[in-house]
N, C-alpha and C. Protein backbone atom coordinates (compact mmCIF):
# COMPACT_ATOMS: atom_id res chain seq x y z
N MET A 1 41.61 55.57 51.38
CA MET A 1 40.73 56.76 51.25
C MET A 1 39.91 56.66 49.87
N GLU A 2 40.77 56.26 48.77
CA GLU A 2 40.07 56.14 47.55
C GLU A 2 39.13 55.05 47.46
N GLN A 3 39.31 53.99 48.29
CA GLN A 3 38.49 52.82 48.42
C GLN A 3 37.20 53.20 49.04
N ASN A 4 37.36 53.91 50.08
CA ASN A 4 36.17 54.44 50.85
C ASN A 4 35.24 55.23 49.90
N GLN A 5 35.87 56.09 48.98
CA GLN A 5 35.11 56.98 48.11
C GLN A 5 34.30 56.14 47.09
N PHE A 6 35.02 55.11 46.59
CA PHE A 6 34.32 54.19 45.63
C PHE A 6 33.12 53.49 46.30
N GLU A 7 33.39 53.11 47.57
CA GLU A 7 32.33 52.39 48.27
C GLU A 7 31.04 53.30 48.42
N GLY A 8 31.36 54.51 48.58
CA GLY A 8 30.29 55.50 48.82
C GLY A 8 29.51 55.70 47.50
N LEU A 9 30.36 55.69 46.34
CA LEU A 9 29.62 55.76 45.13
C LEU A 9 28.76 54.59 44.78
N GLU A 10 29.28 53.42 45.13
CA GLU A 10 28.50 52.19 44.94
C GLU A 10 27.19 52.18 45.67
N GLU A 11 27.09 52.72 46.85
CA GLU A 11 25.91 52.85 47.66
C GLU A 11 25.03 53.79 47.01
N ILE A 12 25.50 54.98 46.47
CA ILE A 12 24.70 55.92 45.87
C ILE A 12 24.07 55.38 44.57
N GLU A 13 24.89 54.63 43.77
CA GLU A 13 24.42 53.91 42.60
C GLU A 13 23.37 52.84 42.82
N GLN A 14 23.41 52.20 44.04
CA GLN A 14 22.43 51.22 44.36
C GLN A 14 21.11 51.94 44.79
N VAL A 15 21.27 53.08 45.51
CA VAL A 15 19.99 53.74 45.79
C VAL A 15 19.32 54.21 44.74
N GLU A 16 20.08 54.74 43.77
CA GLU A 16 19.52 55.31 42.41
C GLU A 16 18.84 54.17 41.61
N LYS A 17 19.43 53.05 41.66
CA LYS A 17 18.89 51.90 40.95
C LYS A 17 17.61 51.41 41.45
N VAL A 18 17.54 51.44 42.88
CA VAL A 18 16.27 51.04 43.55
C VAL A 18 15.18 52.04 43.19
N LYS A 19 15.60 53.38 43.15
CA LYS A 19 14.56 54.44 42.87
C LYS A 19 14.17 54.18 41.42
N SER A 20 15.10 54.01 40.54
CA SER A 20 14.72 53.81 39.08
C SER A 20 13.72 52.56 38.95
N ASP A 21 13.88 51.47 39.78
CA ASP A 21 13.15 50.43 39.55
C ASP A 21 11.63 50.41 40.08
N GLU A 22 11.48 51.56 40.93
CA GLU A 22 10.09 51.77 41.42
C GLU A 22 9.33 52.43 40.28
N LYS A 23 8.43 51.70 39.73
CA LYS A 23 7.53 52.15 38.72
C LYS A 23 6.36 53.01 39.33
N GLU A 24 6.25 54.19 38.72
CA GLU A 24 5.08 54.99 39.02
C GLU A 24 3.81 54.45 38.43
N LEU A 25 2.66 54.48 39.21
CA LEU A 25 1.56 53.88 38.71
C LEU A 25 1.12 54.72 37.49
N LYS A 26 0.51 53.99 36.52
CA LYS A 26 -0.08 54.58 35.19
C LYS A 26 -1.40 55.17 35.66
N GLU A 27 -1.95 56.01 34.83
CA GLU A 27 -3.23 56.79 35.11
C GLU A 27 -4.35 55.73 35.23
N TYR A 28 -4.43 54.72 34.32
CA TYR A 28 -5.45 53.70 34.34
C TYR A 28 -5.35 52.93 35.64
N GLU A 29 -4.18 52.69 36.01
CA GLU A 29 -3.90 51.90 37.38
C GLU A 29 -4.36 52.71 38.55
N LYS A 30 -4.19 53.94 38.62
CA LYS A 30 -4.70 54.83 39.62
C LYS A 30 -6.19 54.82 39.71
N LEU A 31 -6.75 54.87 38.38
CA LEU A 31 -8.23 54.86 38.31
C LEU A 31 -8.83 53.55 38.86
N LEU A 32 -8.20 52.38 38.50
CA LEU A 32 -8.66 51.19 38.99
C LEU A 32 -8.59 51.03 40.51
N LEU A 33 -7.40 51.60 41.05
CA LEU A 33 -7.31 51.49 42.46
C LEU A 33 -8.36 52.34 43.20
N ALA A 34 -8.63 53.56 42.63
CA ALA A 34 -9.66 54.45 43.16
C ALA A 34 -10.94 53.76 43.14
N GLU A 35 -11.30 53.07 41.92
CA GLU A 35 -12.58 52.45 41.92
C GLU A 35 -12.67 51.27 42.83
N ASN A 36 -11.56 50.61 43.12
CA ASN A 36 -11.67 49.52 44.04
C ASN A 36 -11.86 49.93 45.40
N ASP A 37 -11.24 51.07 45.75
CA ASP A 37 -11.44 51.72 47.13
C ASP A 37 -12.91 52.20 47.18
N ARG A 38 -13.45 52.69 46.24
CA ARG A 38 -14.88 53.29 46.21
C ARG A 38 -15.79 52.13 46.37
N GLU A 39 -15.61 51.02 45.65
CA GLU A 39 -16.54 49.86 45.76
C GLU A 39 -16.45 49.26 47.19
N ALA A 40 -15.16 49.05 47.70
CA ALA A 40 -14.94 48.53 49.06
C ALA A 40 -15.67 49.38 49.99
N THR A 41 -15.53 50.72 49.95
CA THR A 41 -16.13 51.66 50.85
C THR A 41 -17.70 51.54 50.84
N GLU A 42 -18.37 51.57 49.62
CA GLU A 42 -19.69 51.50 49.44
C GLU A 42 -20.26 50.14 49.98
N ARG A 43 -19.61 49.08 49.85
CA ARG A 43 -19.92 47.79 50.17
C ARG A 43 -19.91 47.66 51.87
N ALA A 44 -18.82 48.27 52.38
CA ALA A 44 -18.72 48.28 53.83
C ALA A 44 -19.77 49.09 54.48
N LYS A 45 -20.05 50.34 54.01
CA LYS A 45 -21.00 51.15 54.52
C LYS A 45 -22.40 50.55 54.35
N ASN A 46 -22.75 49.85 53.23
CA ASN A 46 -24.12 49.40 53.05
C ASN A 46 -24.31 48.24 54.08
N LEU A 47 -23.30 47.39 54.15
CA LEU A 47 -23.37 46.28 55.09
C LEU A 47 -23.57 46.60 56.56
N VAL A 48 -22.91 47.76 57.05
CA VAL A 48 -22.92 48.31 58.33
C VAL A 48 -24.40 48.88 58.52
N GLU A 49 -24.80 49.58 57.49
CA GLU A 49 -26.17 50.10 57.53
C GLU A 49 -27.23 49.09 57.64
N PHE A 50 -26.94 47.99 56.99
CA PHE A 50 -27.99 46.91 57.03
C PHE A 50 -27.88 46.04 58.27
N GLY A 51 -26.79 46.35 59.18
CA GLY A 51 -26.73 45.51 60.35
C GLY A 51 -25.95 44.39 60.23
N CYS A 52 -25.14 44.21 59.08
CA CYS A 52 -24.33 43.01 58.83
C CYS A 52 -22.86 43.27 59.39
N PHE A 53 -22.78 43.45 60.65
CA PHE A 53 -21.41 43.70 61.29
C PHE A 53 -21.39 43.40 62.73
N SER A 54 -20.18 43.38 63.24
CA SER A 54 -20.09 43.05 64.75
C SER A 54 -19.12 44.26 65.27
N GLN A 55 -19.41 44.81 66.46
CA GLN A 55 -18.72 45.94 66.92
C GLN A 55 -17.95 45.41 68.12
N GLU A 56 -16.56 45.68 68.19
CA GLU A 56 -15.73 45.25 69.32
C GLU A 56 -14.68 46.25 69.63
N GLU A 57 -14.40 46.43 70.85
CA GLU A 57 -13.32 47.21 71.28
C GLU A 57 -12.07 46.51 71.53
N VAL A 58 -10.97 46.53 70.72
CA VAL A 58 -9.83 45.89 70.83
C VAL A 58 -8.67 46.79 71.26
N THR A 59 -7.70 46.18 72.05
CA THR A 59 -6.53 47.01 72.54
C THR A 59 -5.45 47.24 71.54
N THR A 60 -5.22 46.31 70.69
CA THR A 60 -4.12 46.37 69.86
C THR A 60 -4.53 45.78 68.32
N ILE A 61 -3.97 46.42 67.39
CA ILE A 61 -4.20 46.08 65.94
C ILE A 61 -2.88 46.11 65.22
N ASP A 62 -2.54 44.95 64.55
CA ASP A 62 -1.25 45.00 63.80
C ASP A 62 -1.73 45.50 62.28
N PHE A 63 -1.45 46.73 62.14
CA PHE A 63 -1.88 47.45 60.87
C PHE A 63 -1.07 46.82 59.57
N ASN A 64 0.02 46.09 59.93
CA ASN A 64 0.82 45.46 58.84
C ASN A 64 -0.02 44.43 58.22
N ASP A 65 -1.01 43.93 58.76
CA ASP A 65 -1.85 42.80 58.33
C ASP A 65 -3.02 43.34 57.44
N TYR A 66 -3.13 44.66 57.46
CA TYR A 66 -4.24 45.37 56.75
C TYR A 66 -3.81 46.38 55.57
N ILE A 67 -4.76 46.47 54.70
CA ILE A 67 -4.53 47.46 53.64
C ILE A 67 -5.46 48.63 53.89
N TYR A 68 -4.91 49.82 53.81
CA TYR A 68 -5.69 51.02 54.16
C TYR A 68 -6.63 51.28 52.86
N ILE A 69 -7.93 51.50 53.08
CA ILE A 69 -8.78 51.84 52.01
C ILE A 69 -9.04 53.33 52.09
N LYS A 70 -8.80 54.00 51.04
CA LYS A 70 -9.07 55.46 51.07
C LYS A 70 -10.59 55.73 50.87
N GLN A 71 -11.11 56.70 51.70
CA GLN A 71 -12.39 57.06 51.67
C GLN A 71 -12.44 58.54 51.31
N ALA A 72 -13.62 59.07 50.66
CA ALA A 72 -13.64 60.60 50.47
C ALA A 72 -13.79 61.20 51.84
N LYS A 73 -14.34 60.61 52.81
CA LYS A 73 -14.44 61.10 54.19
C LYS A 73 -14.61 60.04 55.05
N LYS A 74 -14.31 60.28 56.46
CA LYS A 74 -14.29 59.05 57.35
C LYS A 74 -15.79 58.74 57.56
N PHE A 75 -16.04 57.39 57.80
CA PHE A 75 -17.34 56.87 58.03
C PHE A 75 -17.82 57.38 59.33
N LYS A 76 -19.09 58.06 59.40
CA LYS A 76 -19.52 58.73 60.53
C LYS A 76 -18.65 59.77 61.05
N GLY A 77 -17.65 60.18 60.36
CA GLY A 77 -16.91 61.32 60.71
C GLY A 77 -15.62 60.88 61.59
N ARG A 78 -15.53 59.57 61.83
CA ARG A 78 -14.32 59.14 62.71
C ARG A 78 -13.82 57.70 62.40
N TYR A 79 -14.36 56.90 61.46
CA TYR A 79 -14.01 55.56 61.27
C TYR A 79 -13.05 55.53 59.87
N GLU A 80 -11.92 54.95 60.05
CA GLU A 80 -11.12 54.62 58.79
C GLU A 80 -11.43 53.23 58.41
N LEU A 81 -11.25 53.04 57.07
CA LEU A 81 -11.52 51.62 56.51
C LEU A 81 -10.33 50.92 56.18
N TYR A 82 -10.21 49.57 56.60
CA TYR A 82 -9.08 48.80 56.33
C TYR A 82 -9.63 47.37 55.75
N GLN A 83 -8.70 46.71 55.05
CA GLN A 83 -9.11 45.36 54.62
C GLN A 83 -7.91 44.35 54.90
N ASN A 84 -8.30 43.30 55.52
CA ASN A 84 -7.29 42.33 55.91
C ASN A 84 -6.67 41.65 54.67
N LYS A 85 -5.25 41.63 54.65
CA LYS A 85 -4.63 41.25 53.55
C LYS A 85 -4.88 39.61 53.20
N GLU A 86 -5.05 38.97 54.27
CA GLU A 86 -5.23 37.41 54.09
C GLU A 86 -6.73 37.13 53.82
N THR A 87 -7.59 37.62 54.76
CA THR A 87 -8.91 37.16 54.50
C THR A 87 -9.74 38.03 53.67
N LEU A 88 -9.31 39.30 53.41
CA LEU A 88 -10.04 40.36 52.59
C LEU A 88 -11.26 40.84 53.27
N ALA A 89 -11.33 40.65 54.57
CA ALA A 89 -12.41 41.18 55.46
C ALA A 89 -12.25 42.63 55.59
N LEU A 90 -13.36 43.34 55.54
CA LEU A 90 -13.27 44.86 55.74
C LEU A 90 -13.71 45.15 57.18
N VAL A 91 -12.92 46.22 57.65
CA VAL A 91 -13.24 46.58 59.04
C VAL A 91 -13.07 48.08 59.23
N PHE A 92 -14.01 48.77 59.87
CA PHE A 92 -13.92 50.19 60.04
C PHE A 92 -13.21 50.37 61.50
N VAL A 93 -12.13 51.22 61.68
CA VAL A 93 -11.41 51.42 62.80
C VAL A 93 -11.49 52.79 63.24
N CYS A 94 -11.77 53.03 64.54
CA CYS A 94 -11.73 54.33 65.15
C CYS A 94 -10.72 54.27 66.44
N PRO A 95 -9.58 54.97 66.45
CA PRO A 95 -8.81 54.92 67.54
C PRO A 95 -9.31 55.74 68.68
N LEU A 96 -9.26 55.16 69.89
CA LEU A 96 -9.84 55.76 71.06
C LEU A 96 -8.69 56.40 71.84
N VAL A 97 -8.68 57.62 71.99
CA VAL A 97 -7.66 58.42 72.67
C VAL A 97 -8.18 59.20 73.89
N GLU A 98 -7.90 58.85 75.11
CA GLU A 98 -8.39 59.49 76.33
C GLU A 98 -9.83 59.51 76.30
N ASN A 99 -10.46 60.67 76.30
CA ASN A 99 -11.96 60.87 76.34
C ASN A 99 -12.47 61.01 74.90
N ASN A 100 -11.55 61.07 73.97
CA ASN A 100 -12.00 61.30 72.43
C ASN A 100 -12.51 59.88 71.87
N LYS A 101 -13.35 60.10 70.88
CA LYS A 101 -13.84 58.95 70.13
C LYS A 101 -13.47 59.07 68.62
N GLY A 102 -12.20 59.41 68.57
CA GLY A 102 -11.73 59.59 67.22
C GLY A 102 -12.21 60.87 66.47
N ASP A 103 -12.72 61.81 67.17
CA ASP A 103 -13.25 62.93 66.55
C ASP A 103 -12.18 64.11 66.19
N VAL A 104 -12.68 65.13 65.66
CA VAL A 104 -11.73 66.06 65.10
C VAL A 104 -10.84 66.67 66.15
N ASP A 105 -11.21 66.68 67.35
CA ASP A 105 -10.51 67.39 68.40
C ASP A 105 -9.48 66.39 69.16
N GLU A 106 -9.48 65.17 68.62
CA GLU A 106 -8.52 64.21 69.31
C GLU A 106 -7.16 64.59 69.30
N ASN A 107 -6.31 64.16 70.37
CA ASN A 107 -4.99 64.58 70.41
C ASN A 107 -4.31 63.43 69.67
N ARG A 108 -3.79 63.69 68.36
CA ARG A 108 -3.16 62.65 67.65
C ARG A 108 -1.85 62.29 68.13
N ALA A 109 -1.17 63.11 68.97
CA ALA A 109 0.05 62.80 69.51
C ALA A 109 0.07 61.81 70.52
N MET A 110 -1.13 61.47 71.09
CA MET A 110 -1.28 60.48 72.11
C MET A 110 -1.57 59.04 71.57
N LYS A 111 -1.04 58.10 72.08
CA LYS A 111 -1.31 56.79 71.62
C LYS A 111 -2.57 56.28 71.85
N PRO A 112 -3.46 55.68 71.05
CA PRO A 112 -4.75 55.22 71.42
C PRO A 112 -4.73 54.15 72.48
N TYR A 113 -5.64 54.17 73.47
CA TYR A 113 -5.57 53.10 74.47
C TYR A 113 -6.51 51.97 73.98
N ALA A 114 -7.15 52.09 72.85
CA ALA A 114 -7.90 51.02 72.34
C ALA A 114 -8.44 51.37 70.95
N TYR A 115 -9.20 50.47 70.26
CA TYR A 115 -9.69 50.74 68.91
C TYR A 115 -11.16 50.24 68.88
N ASP A 116 -11.99 51.11 68.37
CA ASP A 116 -13.35 50.71 68.31
C ASP A 116 -13.54 50.23 66.85
N CYS A 117 -13.80 48.94 66.74
CA CYS A 117 -13.94 48.37 65.33
C CYS A 117 -15.32 47.78 64.97
N LEU A 118 -15.63 48.05 63.76
CA LEU A 118 -16.77 47.51 63.13
C LEU A 118 -16.37 46.44 62.09
N PHE A 119 -16.54 45.25 62.47
CA PHE A 119 -16.14 44.10 61.65
C PHE A 119 -17.30 43.78 60.68
N VAL A 120 -17.04 44.02 59.39
CA VAL A 120 -18.15 43.83 58.38
C VAL A 120 -18.16 42.41 57.97
N GLU A 121 -19.35 41.80 57.98
CA GLU A 121 -19.50 40.45 57.65
C GLU A 121 -19.10 40.16 56.21
N GLN A 122 -18.38 39.06 55.93
CA GLN A 122 -17.99 38.66 54.61
C GLN A 122 -19.18 37.86 53.94
N MET A 123 -19.26 38.07 52.73
CA MET A 123 -20.29 37.26 51.89
C MET A 123 -19.85 37.35 50.49
N ASP A 124 -20.27 36.40 49.65
CA ASP A 124 -19.97 36.50 48.19
C ASP A 124 -20.86 37.57 47.49
N GLU A 125 -20.54 37.78 46.26
CA GLU A 125 -21.21 38.86 45.64
C GLU A 125 -22.67 38.54 45.46
N GLU A 126 -23.07 37.36 45.08
CA GLU A 126 -24.40 37.00 44.91
C GLU A 126 -25.32 37.31 46.19
N THR A 127 -24.65 36.89 47.29
CA THR A 127 -25.36 37.09 48.58
C THR A 127 -25.46 38.55 48.95
N TYR A 128 -24.41 39.35 48.65
CA TYR A 128 -24.35 40.78 48.80
C TYR A 128 -25.47 41.51 48.12
N LYS A 129 -25.64 41.12 46.86
CA LYS A 129 -26.55 41.75 46.03
C LYS A 129 -28.04 41.31 46.54
N ALA A 130 -28.23 40.15 46.97
CA ALA A 130 -29.49 39.69 47.56
C ALA A 130 -29.81 40.54 48.81
N VAL A 131 -28.77 40.73 49.71
CA VAL A 131 -29.01 41.53 50.87
C VAL A 131 -29.27 42.94 50.62
N CYS A 132 -28.63 43.52 49.64
CA CYS A 132 -28.92 44.86 49.15
C CYS A 132 -30.45 45.06 48.66
N HIS A 133 -30.76 44.01 47.82
CA HIS A 133 -32.08 44.11 47.32
C HIS A 133 -33.12 43.94 48.42
N ALA A 134 -32.95 43.07 49.31
CA ALA A 134 -33.82 42.79 50.44
C ALA A 134 -33.86 44.01 51.39
N ALA A 135 -32.75 44.73 51.59
CA ALA A 135 -32.71 45.90 52.33
C ALA A 135 -33.42 47.05 51.77
N LYS A 136 -33.25 47.15 50.46
CA LYS A 136 -33.99 48.25 49.73
C LYS A 136 -35.46 48.03 49.86
N ASN A 137 -35.99 46.93 49.90
CA ASN A 137 -37.39 46.75 49.96
C ASN A 137 -37.95 46.59 51.34
N ASN A 138 -37.10 46.40 52.30
CA ASN A 138 -37.68 46.22 53.58
C ASN A 138 -37.19 47.19 54.64
N ILE A 139 -36.06 47.79 54.47
CA ILE A 139 -35.50 48.73 55.51
C ILE A 139 -35.92 50.10 55.14
N ARG A 140 -36.59 50.89 56.00
CA ARG A 140 -36.90 52.31 55.84
C ARG A 140 -36.53 53.05 57.09
N THR A 141 -35.55 53.84 57.05
CA THR A 141 -35.12 54.60 58.07
C THR A 141 -36.18 55.65 58.56
N LYS A 142 -36.38 55.90 59.83
CA LYS A 142 -37.34 56.96 60.28
C LYS A 142 -37.08 58.21 59.68
N ILE A 143 -35.80 58.67 59.60
CA ILE A 143 -35.48 60.07 58.97
C ILE A 143 -35.95 60.09 57.56
N SER A 144 -35.62 59.00 56.90
CA SER A 144 -36.01 58.93 55.35
C SER A 144 -37.49 58.97 55.24
N VAL A 145 -38.26 58.30 56.05
CA VAL A 145 -39.72 58.32 55.87
C VAL A 145 -40.13 59.68 56.34
N LEU A 146 -39.65 60.28 57.41
CA LEU A 146 -40.16 61.55 57.79
C LEU A 146 -39.90 62.60 56.68
N TYR A 147 -38.65 62.51 56.12
CA TYR A 147 -38.18 63.53 55.04
C TYR A 147 -39.14 63.51 53.94
N LYS A 148 -39.41 62.18 53.31
CA LYS A 148 -40.27 62.07 52.21
C LYS A 148 -41.74 62.41 52.44
N THR A 149 -42.23 61.87 53.69
CA THR A 149 -43.58 62.21 54.05
C THR A 149 -43.88 63.64 54.17
N SER A 150 -42.97 64.40 54.74
CA SER A 150 -43.08 65.86 55.02
C SER A 150 -43.28 66.58 53.76
N PHE A 151 -42.40 66.25 52.79
CA PHE A 151 -42.46 66.97 51.52
C PHE A 151 -43.73 66.62 50.65
N ILE A 152 -44.22 65.35 50.73
CA ILE A 152 -45.42 64.96 50.12
C ILE A 152 -46.61 65.74 50.72
N THR A 153 -46.61 65.81 52.13
CA THR A 153 -47.63 66.43 52.82
C THR A 153 -47.67 67.95 52.47
N PHE A 154 -46.46 68.47 52.40
CA PHE A 154 -46.36 69.96 52.14
C PHE A 154 -46.90 70.30 50.74
N PHE A 155 -46.55 69.47 49.62
CA PHE A 155 -47.09 69.84 48.33
C PHE A 155 -48.56 69.45 48.24
N VAL A 156 -49.01 68.56 48.91
CA VAL A 156 -50.40 68.19 49.07
C VAL A 156 -51.19 69.43 49.62
N LEU A 157 -50.72 69.99 50.76
CA LEU A 157 -51.28 71.12 51.42
C LEU A 157 -51.19 72.38 50.53
N ILE A 158 -50.25 72.54 49.84
CA ILE A 158 -50.15 73.58 48.73
C ILE A 158 -51.28 73.37 47.80
N ALA A 159 -51.36 72.30 47.16
CA ALA A 159 -52.46 72.04 46.21
C ALA A 159 -53.84 72.30 46.82
N ILE A 160 -54.18 71.81 47.98
CA ILE A 160 -55.42 71.95 48.70
C ILE A 160 -55.64 73.50 48.93
N THR A 161 -54.60 74.11 49.28
CA THR A 161 -54.72 75.64 49.61
C THR A 161 -55.07 76.34 48.33
N LEU A 162 -54.44 76.13 47.19
CA LEU A 162 -54.68 76.81 45.88
C LEU A 162 -56.02 76.46 45.42
N PHE A 163 -56.44 75.24 45.51
CA PHE A 163 -57.79 74.79 45.18
C PHE A 163 -58.81 75.53 45.90
N ASN A 164 -58.60 75.67 47.31
CA ASN A 164 -59.56 76.41 48.21
C ASN A 164 -59.58 77.92 47.81
N PHE A 165 -58.40 78.40 47.60
CA PHE A 165 -58.33 79.80 47.40
C PHE A 165 -59.08 80.17 45.98
N VAL A 166 -58.79 79.37 45.00
CA VAL A 166 -59.50 79.62 43.68
C VAL A 166 -60.92 79.39 43.78
N TYR A 167 -61.43 78.43 44.53
CA TYR A 167 -62.84 78.13 44.82
C TYR A 167 -63.43 79.33 45.54
N ASN A 168 -62.88 79.90 46.45
CA ASN A 168 -63.42 81.07 47.10
C ASN A 168 -63.46 82.35 46.29
N LEU A 169 -62.46 82.37 45.37
CA LEU A 169 -62.46 83.56 44.43
C LEU A 169 -63.64 83.40 43.44
N ILE A 170 -64.00 82.23 43.05
CA ILE A 170 -65.18 82.02 42.18
C ILE A 170 -66.41 82.23 42.76
N THR A 171 -66.55 81.68 43.97
CA THR A 171 -67.96 81.73 44.70
C THR A 171 -68.27 83.05 45.43
N ALA A 172 -67.16 83.81 45.53
CA ALA A 172 -67.33 85.11 46.33
C ALA A 172 -68.09 86.10 45.52
N SER A 173 -68.64 87.01 46.07
CA SER A 173 -69.36 88.08 45.30
C SER A 173 -68.85 89.54 45.76
N GLY A 174 -69.04 90.41 44.96
CA GLY A 174 -68.60 91.87 45.26
C GLY A 174 -67.58 92.38 44.40
N ASP A 175 -66.90 93.46 44.62
CA ASP A 175 -65.84 94.00 43.83
C ASP A 175 -64.53 93.23 43.96
N PHE A 176 -63.57 93.51 43.16
CA PHE A 176 -62.38 92.68 43.06
C PHE A 176 -61.62 92.57 44.36
N PHE A 177 -61.46 93.68 45.07
CA PHE A 177 -60.73 93.67 46.35
C PHE A 177 -61.45 92.82 47.32
N GLY A 178 -62.81 93.03 47.38
CA GLY A 178 -63.65 92.41 48.38
C GLY A 178 -63.51 90.81 48.01
N VAL A 179 -63.52 90.40 46.84
CA VAL A 179 -63.47 88.96 46.52
C VAL A 179 -62.20 88.37 46.98
N VAL A 180 -61.17 89.09 46.60
CA VAL A 180 -59.70 88.57 47.07
C VAL A 180 -59.61 88.53 48.62
N ASN A 181 -60.03 89.51 49.27
CA ASN A 181 -60.04 89.54 50.74
C ASN A 181 -60.82 88.44 51.26
N SER A 182 -61.98 88.17 50.72
CA SER A 182 -62.82 87.08 51.18
C SER A 182 -62.25 85.70 50.96
N ALA A 183 -61.53 85.65 49.85
CA ALA A 183 -60.78 84.28 49.53
C ALA A 183 -59.64 84.02 50.43
N ILE A 184 -58.93 85.14 50.67
CA ILE A 184 -57.87 85.04 51.68
C ILE A 184 -58.44 84.73 53.04
N TYR A 185 -59.36 85.30 53.49
CA TYR A 185 -59.96 85.13 54.79
C TYR A 185 -60.35 83.67 55.05
N TYR A 186 -61.11 83.09 54.01
CA TYR A 186 -61.56 81.74 54.21
C TYR A 186 -60.45 80.69 54.00
N SER A 187 -59.36 81.04 53.35
CA SER A 187 -58.23 80.16 53.06
C SER A 187 -57.19 80.43 54.07
N ALA A 188 -57.35 81.28 54.99
CA ALA A 188 -56.28 81.66 56.00
C ALA A 188 -55.71 80.53 56.75
N PRO A 189 -56.56 79.52 57.26
CA PRO A 189 -55.98 78.45 58.02
C PRO A 189 -55.08 77.59 57.25
N LEU A 190 -55.35 77.38 55.94
CA LEU A 190 -54.51 76.60 55.09
C LEU A 190 -53.16 77.41 54.73
N ILE A 191 -53.32 78.65 54.39
CA ILE A 191 -52.18 79.55 54.21
C ILE A 191 -51.22 79.50 55.30
N ILE A 192 -51.79 79.66 56.51
CA ILE A 192 -50.92 79.63 57.81
C ILE A 192 -50.27 78.30 57.96
N GLY A 193 -51.02 77.27 57.64
CA GLY A 193 -50.34 75.92 57.66
C GLY A 193 -49.19 75.76 56.78
N VAL A 194 -49.27 76.35 55.66
CA VAL A 194 -48.23 76.32 54.70
C VAL A 194 -46.94 77.03 55.20
N PHE A 195 -47.19 78.18 55.73
CA PHE A 195 -46.07 79.04 56.28
C PHE A 195 -45.37 78.35 57.51
N ILE A 196 -46.28 77.65 58.27
CA ILE A 196 -45.74 76.86 59.42
C ILE A 196 -44.89 75.74 58.97
N MET A 197 -45.18 75.05 57.94
CA MET A 197 -44.52 73.92 57.46
C MET A 197 -43.12 74.27 56.85
N ILE A 198 -42.96 75.55 56.35
CA ILE A 198 -41.74 75.81 55.60
C ILE A 198 -40.51 75.70 56.57
N PRO A 199 -40.60 76.35 57.75
CA PRO A 199 -39.35 76.13 58.60
C PRO A 199 -39.12 74.73 59.17
N LEU A 200 -40.25 73.98 59.18
CA LEU A 200 -40.20 72.63 59.69
C LEU A 200 -39.51 71.73 58.68
N LEU A 201 -39.82 72.08 57.32
CA LEU A 201 -39.18 71.39 56.30
C LEU A 201 -37.68 71.78 56.13
N VAL A 202 -37.31 72.89 56.52
CA VAL A 202 -35.85 73.31 56.62
C VAL A 202 -35.23 72.55 57.59
N LEU A 203 -35.78 72.37 58.80
CA LEU A 203 -35.16 71.60 59.82
C LEU A 203 -35.00 70.19 59.53
N ILE A 204 -36.03 69.66 58.96
CA ILE A 204 -35.99 68.23 58.57
C ILE A 204 -34.99 67.96 57.51
N SER A 205 -34.77 68.93 56.54
CA SER A 205 -33.90 68.86 55.44
C SER A 205 -32.46 68.77 56.05
N ILE A 206 -32.18 69.65 57.00
CA ILE A 206 -31.03 69.77 57.64
C ILE A 206 -30.51 68.44 58.30
N LYS A 207 -31.60 68.01 59.15
CA LYS A 207 -31.26 66.72 59.86
C LYS A 207 -31.15 65.59 58.89
N TYR A 208 -31.87 65.56 57.69
CA TYR A 208 -31.67 64.53 56.64
C TYR A 208 -30.23 64.56 56.09
N LYS A 209 -29.83 65.82 55.80
CA LYS A 209 -28.53 65.98 55.14
C LYS A 209 -27.45 65.56 56.07
N LYS A 210 -27.47 65.79 57.47
CA LYS A 210 -26.51 65.36 58.34
C LYS A 210 -26.53 63.87 58.40
N TYR A 211 -27.82 63.28 58.23
CA TYR A 211 -27.81 61.80 58.27
C TYR A 211 -27.13 61.22 57.08
N LYS A 212 -27.38 61.76 55.89
CA LYS A 212 -26.76 61.30 54.71
C LYS A 212 -25.29 61.48 54.69
N ASP A 213 -24.83 62.58 55.26
CA ASP A 213 -23.31 62.86 55.27
C ASP A 213 -22.60 61.78 56.17
N GLN A 214 -23.29 61.23 57.17
CA GLN A 214 -22.73 60.27 58.10
C GLN A 214 -22.74 58.87 57.53
N GLN A 215 -23.32 58.71 56.33
CA GLN A 215 -23.44 57.38 55.73
C GLN A 215 -22.07 57.03 54.83
């Protein structure tokens, strides 16, 4: 009986020793890991946006071969990021469950029938920087162009409207109220255009924000 008690104590001591051997990461080590995850995430997102990836639906994935990369939020709201331990290749993975596409309403209790994977192309740092530079100079998304063009047009329209209104104030004759009414009357089409563009800019801004949130 005493022997069994001692054996139990030995097991407890071994467990405590294992726990004591596990070193908690220091703050600077946590920061370095977080920065590595951020850089890997940024690199993977950029290369996918630039079209440097291949998309495949695979039935099984051995996650023991991959390192999980923490993201502030899922890519496109549903893709988790992993890195192959051996090749260091990055891949976005979305589990496909029934009719769900890895969205917020998916039933996590059910086993995925497949995985939607975005395999990011591997390249050295010099090539990656060259690709980023080329993409910055040559790739312009429609929503980005629409967003910037709309705001430029809006401010140009405001400038023209103000100039037209002031010009009409100067050239009109009569008492103060008559001059103001005349200036408003002749500037009315431009003023209406400004008020029409305001809700359009709000809609474009919402669409652009959703686009940026998915990146």
